[in-house]
Structure formats: structure tokens, C-alpha cells
Protein backbone atom coordinates (compact mmCIF):
# COMPACT_ATOMS: atom_id res chain seq x y z
CA MET A 1 -0.05 0.03 -0.05
CA SER A 2 1.52 3.46 -0.93
CA ARG A 3 1.68 6.13 1.59
CA PRO A 4 -0.80 9.14 1.36
CA ARG A 5 0.77 12.10 -0.51
CA LEU A 6 1.01 15.42 1.57
CA VAL A 7 0.26 18.63 -0.53
CA ARG A 8 0.97 21.81 1.10
CA LEU A 9 -1.50 24.61 -0.10
CA PRO A 10 -0.75 28.40 0.48
CA GLU A 11 -4.57 28.93 0.68
CA HIS A 12 -7.85 27.12 0.60
CA ILE A 13 -11.64 27.84 0.86
CA VAL A 14 -13.77 25.50 2.86
CA GLU A 15 -17.57 25.61 3.09
CA ILE A 16 -19.68 23.82 5.88
CA VAL A 17 -23.25 23.71 5.21
CA SER A 18 -26.49 22.15 6.44
CA ASP A 19 -30.18 22.92 6.87
CA ALA A 20 -30.64 25.97 9.17
CA GLY A 21 -30.37 25.13 12.72
CA GLU A 22 -28.29 21.84 12.23
CA GLY A 23 -25.11 23.40 13.69
CA ALA A 24 -22.98 23.92 10.57
CA GLN A 25 -22.32 27.56 11.60
CA LYS A 26 -21.17 26.43 14.96
CA ALA A 27 -18.99 23.73 13.48
CA ALA A 28 -17.51 26.29 10.90
CA ILE A 29 -16.80 28.77 13.78
CA ALA A 30 -15.01 25.99 15.76
CA PHE A 31 -13.05 25.04 12.62
CA ALA A 32 -12.19 28.67 11.82
CA GLN A 33 -10.99 29.21 15.45
CA LEU A 34 -8.71 26.21 15.27
CA CYS A 35 -7.23 27.36 11.96
CA ALA A 36 -6.64 30.89 13.53
CA LYS A 37 -4.81 29.37 16.54
CA ALA A 38 -2.73 27.43 14.18
CA GLY A 39 -1.38 30.71 12.79
CA ASN A 40 -3.42 30.78 9.55
CA GLY A 41 -4.85 34.10 8.27
CA LEU A 42 -8.69 33.76 7.60
CA TRP A 43 -11.89 35.20 6.50
CA THR A 44 -15.25 33.97 7.19
CA VAL A 45 -18.63 34.58 5.71
CA GLU A 46 -21.87 33.36 6.92
CA ILE A 47 -24.12 31.47 4.41
CA ILE A 48 -27.65 32.48 5.37
CA PRO A 49 -30.87 30.80 4.37
CA SER A 50 -33.02 32.64 1.63
CA GLU A 51 -36.05 32.63 3.88
CA ILE A 52 -36.60 33.61 7.71
CA GLN A 53 -38.14 30.18 8.46
CA PRO A 54 -37.33 28.06 5.46
CA PRO A 55 -38.89 24.55 4.94
CA PRO A 56 -36.41 22.12 6.13
CA HIS A 57 -34.33 20.02 3.67
CA THR A 58 -34.71 22.34 0.86
CA THR A 59 -32.20 24.37 -0.97
CA ALA A 60 -33.61 27.39 0.50
CA SER A 61 -32.72 26.26 3.97
CA ALA A 62 -29.01 26.01 3.39
CA SER A 63 -26.98 27.71 6.23
CA GLY A 64 -23.39 27.63 7.12
CA ASN A 65 -20.07 29.31 6.67
CA ARG A 66 -17.45 29.85 3.94
CA ILE A 67 -13.89 29.95 5.54
CA ARG A 68 -10.91 31.23 3.41
CA LEU A 69 -7.53 30.36 5.09
CA ALA A 70 -3.99 31.06 4.12
CA GLU A 71 -0.54 30.70 5.42
CA ARG A 72 -0.05 34.28 5.28
CA SER A 73 -1.54 36.41 8.27
CA ARG A 74 -3.42 38.79 5.99
CA VAL A 75 -6.67 37.51 3.99
CA THR A 76 -8.71 40.31 2.60
CA ASN A 77 -11.63 38.66 1.16
CA ALA A 78 -13.94 35.53 0.92
CA GLY A 79 -12.39 34.30 -2.20
CA ASN A 80 -14.08 32.93 -5.40
CA LEU A 81 -14.79 29.13 -5.46
CA ALA A 82 -14.68 26.77 -2.49
CA ASN A 83 -12.11 23.96 -2.70
CA VAL A 84 -13.79 21.91 -0.12
CA VAL A 85 -17.35 21.49 0.88
CA LEU A 86 -18.77 19.67 3.95
CA ALA A 87 -22.40 19.27 3.67
CA PHE A 88 -24.61 17.76 6.30
CA ASN A 89 -27.08 16.79 3.47
CA GLU A 90 -27.59 16.65 -0.12
CA MET A 91 -29.90 19.58 -0.39
CA ALA A 92 -27.37 21.89 1.23
CA LEU A 93 -24.82 20.66 -1.30
CA LEU A 94 -27.20 21.25 -4.11
CA SER A 95 -27.74 24.73 -2.93
CA ARG A 96 -24.09 25.53 -3.30
CA LEU A 97 -23.82 23.96 -6.66
CA GLU A 98 -26.82 26.26 -7.80
CA ALA A 99 -25.16 29.34 -6.30
CA GLY A 100 -21.95 28.47 -8.49
CA SER A 101 -19.84 28.81 -5.44
CA LEU A 102 -17.79 25.45 -5.71
CA ALA A 103 -14.58 24.92 -7.87
CA ASP A 104 -14.74 22.21 -10.70
CA ASP A 105 -12.28 20.04 -8.70
CA VAL A 106 -14.01 20.52 -5.14
CA LEU A 107 -13.57 17.93 -2.73
CA VAL A 108 -17.13 17.03 -1.32
CA LEU A 109 -17.61 15.42 2.07
CA ILE A 110 -21.14 14.76 2.68
CA ASP A 111 -23.09 13.10 5.55
CA ASP A 112 -25.01 10.13 4.16
CA GLN A 113 -26.87 9.56 7.50
CA ALA A 114 -30.20 11.21 7.12
CA GLN A 115 -31.74 12.11 10.66
CA THR A 116 -35.15 13.53 11.68
CA PHE A 117 -35.43 16.15 14.34
CA PRO A 118 -38.57 17.10 16.14
CA ARG A 119 -39.58 20.62 14.97
């Protein structure tokens, strides 16, 4: 078995998205804090649902954060296309695809364990 290849990137854009209220923004904030404590420069932007109380599990209910991190200490904007997206469900991923926010070679991590929460 070959060893994993380590690739050092000078900067990267990560999006963490889910239905509103499922914790993507909280997870993204924790990730951003960890990146900052490791000495990276970063810029974060909230991804806000298009409605005040969107129906769950629709593209309109996507919520989360975009995090642009870089080796250099100064990052001045959110960047263009995300290189990595962590989606808690397929509708949140679809909303980011429809928004045109993902790079052609994006790495997609998606939760395949659907859950139902009392509302």
C-alpha cells in the first residue's frame, strides 16, 4: 500500500453547510478558530438561508459558513470558489452548486446518515 501524499497549499476555501439550525455555523466557527490558533490568516462569511423560516431539507434552507484560510496572516476577502465543501445533507450541497460557489475540482464530504429532528 502506498503512503498518502502530503500536499501543502498556500490557501484554501472551505464551506460547511447544512439545513438551518443543524449546527453548520457552529461547526464552522470552531474550525475557523482552530485554523486561526494554528497561525493561519482567515476570512469567514456566513451562508444565510434565503427565507426567515425555510422549510427543512430544501435548497432554500442552506445555512453555514465559508472559510478562506491562508498561510499568510492577511486575508482580505472571501475568495471565489470553494475547494472543499462539507455538507450535512444533499440539499445543502445542491444549494451551493446552484449558487455557483464550488470549484470544478471541489472535494465534497457529505453526511449520508439522514436524521429526523422534532420541529
